[in-house]
All heavy atoms as atom14 arrays in JSON, in Angstrom:
{
  "sequence": "AASGSASGLSADYYAIGWFRQAPGKEREG",
  "atom14_mask": [
    [1, 1, 1, 1, 1, 0, 0, 0, 0, 0, 0, 0, 0, 0],
    [1, 1, 1, 1, 1, 0, 0, 0, 0, 0, 0, 0, 0, 0],
    [1, 1, 1, 1, 1, 1, 0, 0, 0, 0, 0, 0, 0, 0],
    [1, 1, 1, 1, 0, 0, 0, 0, 0, 0, 0, 0, 0, 0],
    [1, 1, 1, 1, 1, 1, 0, 0, 0, 0, 0, 0, 0, 0],
    [1, 1, 1, 1, 1, 0, 0, 0, 0, 0, 0, 0, 0, 0],
    [1, 1, 1, 1, 1, 1, 0, 0, 0, 0, 0, 0, 0, 0],
    [1, 1, 1, 1, 0, 0, 0, 0, 0, 0, 0, 0, 0, 0],
    [1, 1, 1, 1, 1, 1, 1, 1, 0, 0, 0, 0, 0, 0],
    [1, 1, 1, 1, 1, 1, 0, 0, 0, 0, 0, 0, 0, 0],
    [1, 1, 1, 1, 1, 0, 0, 0, 0, 0, 0, 0, 0, 0],
    [1, 1, 1, 1, 1, 1, 1, 1, 0, 0, 0, 0, 0, 0],
    [1, 1, 1, 1, 1, 1, 1, 1, 1, 1, 1, 1, 0, 0],
    [1, 1, 1, 1, 1, 1, 1, 1, 1, 1, 1, 1, 0, 0],
    [1, 1, 1, 1, 1, 0, 0, 0, 0, 0, 0, 0, 0, 0],
    [1, 1, 1, 1, 1, 1, 1, 1, 0, 0, 0, 0, 0, 0],
    [1, 1, 1, 1, 0, 0, 0, 0, 0, 0, 0, 0, 0, 0],
    [1, 1, 1, 1, 1, 1, 1, 1, 1, 1, 1, 1, 1, 1],
    [1, 1, 1, 1, 1, 1, 1, 1, 1, 1, 1, 0, 0, 0],
    [1, 1, 1, 1, 1, 1, 1, 1, 1, 1, 1, 0, 0, 0],
    [1, 1, 1, 1, 1, 1, 1, 1, 1, 0, 0, 0, 0, 0],
    [1, 1, 1, 1, 1, 0, 0, 0, 0, 0, 0, 0, 0, 0],
    [1, 1, 1, 1, 1, 1, 1, 0, 0, 0, 0, 0, 0, 0],
    [1, 1, 1, 1, 0, 0, 0, 0, 0, 0, 0, 0, 0, 0],
    [1, 1, 1, 1, 1, 1, 1, 1, 1, 0, 0, 0, 0, 0],
    [1, 1, 1, 1, 1, 1, 1, 1, 1, 0, 0, 0, 0, 0],
    [1, 1, 1, 1, 1, 1, 1, 1, 1, 1, 1, 0, 0, 0],
    [1, 1, 1, 1, 1, 1, 1, 1, 1, 0, 0, 0, 0, 0],
    [1, 1, 1, 1, 0, 0, 0, 0, 0, 0, 0, 0, 0, 0]
  ],
  "atom14_positions": [
    [[4.94, 4.24, -6.48], [4.99, 5.72, -6.43], [3.7, 6.22, -5.74], [2.6, 5.85, -6.15], [5.1, 6.3, -7.83], [0.0, 0.0, 0.0], [0.0, 0.0, 0.0], [0.0, 0.0, 0.0], [0.0, 0.0, 0.0], [0.0, 0.0, 0.0], [0.0, 0.0, 0.0], [0.0, 0.0, 0.0], [0.0, 0.0, 0.0], [0.0, 0.0, 0.0]],
    [[3.88, 7.04, -4.69], [2.76, 7.63, -3.96], [2.55, 9.06, -4.33], [3.51, 9.84, -4.57], [3.05, 7.47, -2.48], [0.0, 0.0, 0.0], [0.0, 0.0, 0.0], [0.0, 0.0, 0.0], [0.0, 0.0, 0.0], [0.0, 0.0, 0.0], [0.0, 0.0, 0.0], [0.0, 0.0, 0.0], [0.0, 0.0, 0.0], [0.0, 0.0, 0.0]],
    [[1.31, 9.43, -4.49], [0.98, 10.85, -4.76], [-0.31, 11.2, -4.07], [-1.08, 10.37, -3.57], [0.79, 11.04, -6.21], [-0.23, 10.26, -6.79], [0.0, 0.0, 0.0], [0.0, 0.0, 0.0], [0.0, 0.0, 0.0], [0.0, 0.0, 0.0], [0.0, 0.0, 0.0], [0.0, 0.0, 0.0], [0.0, 0.0, 0.0], [0.0, 0.0, 0.0]],
    [[-0.55, 12.54, -4.02], [-1.75, 13.06, -3.29], [-1.58, 13.03, -1.84], [-0.51, 12.81, -1.27], [0.0, 0.0, 0.0], [0.0, 0.0, 0.0], [0.0, 0.0, 0.0], [0.0, 0.0, 0.0], [0.0, 0.0, 0.0], [0.0, 0.0, 0.0], [0.0, 0.0, 0.0], [0.0, 0.0, 0.0], [0.0, 0.0, 0.0], [0.0, 0.0, 0.0]],
    [[-2.71, 13.16, -1.15], [-2.64, 13.18, 0.29], [-4.01, 12.8, 0.85], [-5.02, 12.86, 0.08], [-2.28, 14.6, 0.84], [-3.28, 15.52, 0.52], [0.0, 0.0, 0.0], [0.0, 0.0, 0.0], [0.0, 0.0, 0.0], [0.0, 0.0, 0.0], [0.0, 0.0, 0.0], [0.0, 0.0, 0.0], [0.0, 0.0, 0.0], [0.0, 0.0, 0.0]],
    [[-4.03, 12.35, 2.07], [-5.28, 11.96, 2.69], [-5.42, 12.76, 3.98], [-4.52, 12.76, 4.83], [-5.35, 10.48, 3.03], [0.0, 0.0, 0.0], [0.0, 0.0, 0.0], [0.0, 0.0, 0.0], [0.0, 0.0, 0.0], [0.0, 0.0, 0.0], [0.0, 0.0, 0.0], [0.0, 0.0, 0.0], [0.0, 0.0, 0.0], [0.0, 0.0, 0.0]],
    [[-6.5, 13.47, 4.09], [-6.75, 14.36, 5.29], [-5.53, 15.32, 5.43], [-5.16, 15.67, 6.6], [-6.88, 13.53, 6.55], [-8.0, 12.69, 6.47], [0.0, 0.0, 0.0], [0.0, 0.0, 0.0], [0.0, 0.0, 0.0], [0.0, 0.0, 0.0], [0.0, 0.0, 0.0], [0.0, 0.0, 0.0], [0.0, 0.0, 0.0], [0.0, 0.0, 0.0]],
    [[-4.96, 15.79, 4.4], [-3.86, 16.75, 4.43], [-2.52, 16.1, 4.73], [-1.54, 16.89, 4.82], [0.0, 0.0, 0.0], [0.0, 0.0, 0.0], [0.0, 0.0, 0.0], [0.0, 0.0, 0.0], [0.0, 0.0, 0.0], [0.0, 0.0, 0.0], [0.0, 0.0, 0.0], [0.0, 0.0, 0.0], [0.0, 0.0, 0.0], [0.0, 0.0, 0.0]],
    [[-2.49, 14.83, 4.89], [-1.18, 14.16, 5.23], [-0.62, 13.53, 4.02], [-1.26, 12.73, 3.35], [-1.44, 13.12, 6.33], [-2.04, 13.72, 7.63], [-2.36, 12.61, 8.56], [-1.08, 14.69, 8.22], [0.0, 0.0, 0.0], [0.0, 0.0, 0.0], [0.0, 0.0, 0.0], [0.0, 0.0, 0.0], [0.0, 0.0, 0.0], [0.0, 0.0, 0.0]],
    [[0.65, 13.85, 3.73], [1.33, 13.31, 2.57], [1.76, 11.86, 2.77], [1.67, 11.3, 3.81], [2.52, 14.2, 2.21], [3.54, 14.0, 3.18], [0.0, 0.0, 0.0], [0.0, 0.0, 0.0], [0.0, 0.0, 0.0], [0.0, 0.0, 0.0], [0.0, 0.0, 0.0], [0.0, 0.0, 0.0], [0.0, 0.0, 0.0], [0.0, 0.0, 0.0]],
    [[2.43, 11.34, 1.68], [2.88, 9.96, 1.72], [3.95, 9.72, 2.84], [4.17, 8.59, 3.26], [3.44, 9.63, 0.35], [0.0, 0.0, 0.0], [0.0, 0.0, 0.0], [0.0, 0.0, 0.0], [0.0, 0.0, 0.0], [0.0, 0.0, 0.0], [0.0, 0.0, 0.0], [0.0, 0.0, 0.0], [0.0, 0.0, 0.0], [0.0, 0.0, 0.0]],
    [[4.54, 10.81, 3.23], [5.6, 10.66, 4.29], [4.99, 10.13, 5.61], [5.72, 9.59, 6.51], [6.24, 12.06, 4.53], [7.34, 11.93, 5.59], [8.27, 11.13, 5.36], [7.33, 12.61, 6.62], [0.0, 0.0, 0.0], [0.0, 0.0, 0.0], [0.0, 0.0, 0.0], [0.0, 0.0, 0.0], [0.0, 0.0, 0.0], [0.0, 0.0, 0.0]],
    [[3.72, 10.21, 5.8], [3.04, 9.7, 7.04], [2.65, 8.27, 6.9], [1.93, 7.77, 7.82], [1.81, 10.58, 7.34], [2.17, 11.93, 7.87], [2.44, 12.98, 7.04], [2.28, 12.15, 9.27], [2.76, 14.24, 7.53], [2.61, 13.38, 9.76], [2.84, 14.42, 8.94], [3.22, 15.62, 9.46], [0.0, 0.0, 0.0], [0.0, 0.0, 0.0]],
    [[3.09, 7.59, 5.91], [2.65, 6.23, 5.71], [3.82, 5.27, 5.63], [4.82, 5.47, 4.94], [1.83, 6.04, 4.41], [0.54, 6.88, 4.51], [0.5, 8.17, 4.26], [-0.65, 6.16, 4.84], [-0.79, 8.86, 4.36], [-1.83, 6.83, 4.91], [-1.9, 8.19, 4.7], [-3.1, 8.86, 4.82], [0.0, 0.0, 0.0], [0.0, 0.0, 0.0]],
    [[3.74, 4.11, 6.43], [4.58, 3.0, 6.13], [4.03, 2.3, 4.95], [2.8, 2.35, 4.65], [4.55, 2.09, 7.36], [0.0, 0.0, 0.0], [0.0, 0.0, 0.0], [0.0, 0.0, 0.0], [0.0, 0.0, 0.0], [0.0, 0.0, 0.0], [0.0, 0.0, 0.0], [0.0, 0.0, 0.0], [0.0, 0.0, 0.0], [0.0, 0.0, 0.0]],
    [[4.87, 1.58, 4.22], [4.46, 0.92, 2.97], [4.79, -0.54, 3.01], [5.83, -1.0, 3.49], [5.29, 1.54, 1.76], [4.98, 3.07, 1.66], [4.81, 0.89, 0.49], [3.57, 3.46, 1.33], [0.0, 0.0, 0.0], [0.0, 0.0, 0.0], [0.0, 0.0, 0.0], [0.0, 0.0, 0.0], [0.0, 0.0, 0.0], [0.0, 0.0, 0.0]],
    [[3.83, -1.31, 2.53], [3.96, -2.79, 2.44], [3.8, -3.24, 0.99], [3.16, -2.62, 0.21], [0.0, 0.0, 0.0], [0.0, 0.0, 0.0], [0.0, 0.0, 0.0], [0.0, 0.0, 0.0], [0.0, 0.0, 0.0], [0.0, 0.0, 0.0], [0.0, 0.0, 0.0], [0.0, 0.0, 0.0], [0.0, 0.0, 0.0], [0.0, 0.0, 0.0]],
    [[4.41, -4.39, 0.74], [4.23, -5.12, -0.54], [3.46, -6.44, -0.24], [3.89, -7.13, 0.76], [5.47, -5.39, -1.23], [6.15, -4.22, -1.91], [7.11, -3.41, -1.45], [5.79, -3.77, -3.25], [7.36, -2.51, -2.4], [6.6, -2.64, -3.51], [4.89, -4.16, -4.22], [6.57, -1.96, -4.66], [4.88, -3.44, -5.42], [5.69, -2.33, -5.63]],
    [[2.47, -6.72, -1.01], [1.73, -7.98, -0.9], [1.72, -8.63, -2.28], [2.01, -7.98, -3.26], [0.24, -7.72, -0.46], [0.13, -7.19, 0.96], [0.48, -5.93, 1.33], [-0.27, -8.06, 1.95], [0.43, -5.49, 2.64], [-0.35, -7.65, 3.24], [-0.02, -6.32, 3.59], [0.0, 0.0, 0.0], [0.0, 0.0, 0.0], [0.0, 0.0, 0.0]],
    [[1.34, -9.85, -2.3], [1.16, -10.54, -3.58], [0.04, -11.55, -3.46], [-0.25, -12.11, -2.37], [2.51, -11.25, -3.99], [2.94, -12.37, -3.13], [4.29, -12.89, -3.57], [4.71, -14.08, -2.76], [5.92, -14.6, -2.87], [6.82, -14.08, -3.71], [6.28, -15.64, -2.1], [0.0, 0.0, 0.0], [0.0, 0.0, 0.0], [0.0, 0.0, 0.0]],
    [[-0.53, -11.85, -4.62], [-1.58, -12.87, -4.68], [-1.45, -13.67, -5.91], [-1.52, -13.14, -7.09], [-3.03, -12.17, -4.73], [-4.15, -13.13, -4.63], [-5.42, -12.46, -4.28], [-5.63, -11.28, -4.54], [-6.38, -13.28, -3.74], [0.0, 0.0, 0.0], [0.0, 0.0, 0.0], [0.0, 0.0, 0.0], [0.0, 0.0, 0.0], [0.0, 0.0, 0.0]],
    [[-1.22, -14.93, -5.73], [-1.07, -15.94, -6.84], [-2.44, -16.45, -7.18], [-3.34, -16.48, -6.31], [-0.14, -17.04, -6.4], [0.0, 0.0, 0.0], [0.0, 0.0, 0.0], [0.0, 0.0, 0.0], [0.0, 0.0, 0.0], [0.0, 0.0, 0.0], [0.0, 0.0, 0.0], [0.0, 0.0, 0.0], [0.0, 0.0, 0.0], [0.0, 0.0, 0.0]],
    [[-2.64, -16.98, -8.35], [-3.94, -17.49, -8.79], [-4.41, -18.61, -7.81], [-3.65, -19.53, -7.51], [-3.66, -18.05, -10.19], [-2.58, -17.28, -10.67], [-1.67, -16.95, -9.47], [0.0, 0.0, 0.0], [0.0, 0.0, 0.0], [0.0, 0.0, 0.0], [0.0, 0.0, 0.0], [0.0, 0.0, 0.0], [0.0, 0.0, 0.0], [0.0, 0.0, 0.0]],
    [[-5.64, -18.47, -7.34], [-6.14, -19.47, -6.48], [-5.73, -19.52, -5.07], [-6.08, -20.31, -4.23], [0.0, 0.0, 0.0], [0.0, 0.0, 0.0], [0.0, 0.0, 0.0], [0.0, 0.0, 0.0], [0.0, 0.0, 0.0], [0.0, 0.0, 0.0], [0.0, 0.0, 0.0], [0.0, 0.0, 0.0], [0.0, 0.0, 0.0], [0.0, 0.0, 0.0]],
    [[-4.93, -18.44, -4.73], [-4.4, -18.32, -3.3], [-4.8, -16.99, -2.77], [-5.13, -16.07, -3.4], [-2.88, -18.46, -3.35], [-2.39, -19.8, -3.79], [-0.85, -19.88, -3.64], [-0.31, -21.3, -3.93], [1.1, -21.42, -3.77], [0.0, 0.0, 0.0], [0.0, 0.0, 0.0], [0.0, 0.0, 0.0], [0.0, 0.0, 0.0], [0.0, 0.0, 0.0]],
    [[-4.7, -16.99, -1.43], [-5.02, -15.76, -0.71], [-3.84, -14.75, -0.84], [-2.68, -15.17, -1.07], [-5.26, -16.0, 0.77], [-6.51, -16.8, 1.06], [-6.85, -16.94, 2.51], [-6.04, -16.55, 3.33], [-7.9, -17.49, 2.83], [0.0, 0.0, 0.0], [0.0, 0.0, 0.0], [0.0, 0.0, 0.0], [0.0, 0.0, 0.0], [0.0, 0.0, 0.0]],
    [[-4.15, -13.46, -0.67], [-3.12, -12.47, -0.75], [-2.22, -12.64, 0.47], [-2.68, -12.85, 1.55], [-3.75, -11.1, -0.78], [-2.75, -9.94, -1.03], [-3.39, -8.7, -1.63], [-4.46, -8.21, -0.83], [-5.27, -7.22, -1.24], [-5.09, -6.69, -2.41], [-6.21, -6.8, -0.43], [0.0, 0.0, 0.0], [0.0, 0.0, 0.0], [0.0, 0.0, 0.0]],
    [[-0.93, -12.51, 0.29], [0.02, -12.68, 1.37], [0.95, -11.46, 1.48], [1.28, -10.83, 0.47], [0.86, -13.97, 1.23], [1.78, -13.97, 0.03], [2.68, -15.2, 0.02], [2.87, -15.76, 1.05], [3.22, -15.47, -1.09], [0.0, 0.0, 0.0], [0.0, 0.0, 0.0], [0.0, 0.0, 0.0], [0.0, 0.0, 0.0], [0.0, 0.0, 0.0]],
    [[1.37, -11.11, 2.68], [2.38, -10.03, 2.85], [3.72, -10.48, 2.43], [4.13, -11.62, 2.75], [0.0, 0.0, 0.0], [0.0, 0.0, 0.0], [0.0, 0.0, 0.0], [0.0, 0.0, 0.0], [0.0, 0.0, 0.0], [0.0, 0.0, 0.0], [0.0, 0.0, 0.0], [0.0, 0.0, 0.0], [0.0, 0.0, 0.0], [0.0, 0.0, 0.0]]
  ]
}
């Protein structure tokens, strides 16, 4: 869930990604 805005631009101006990080591993897309 996105809320607020940055520089007056709402969440509608953002593409969204999901990442994950397992123990001992680098974060991956």
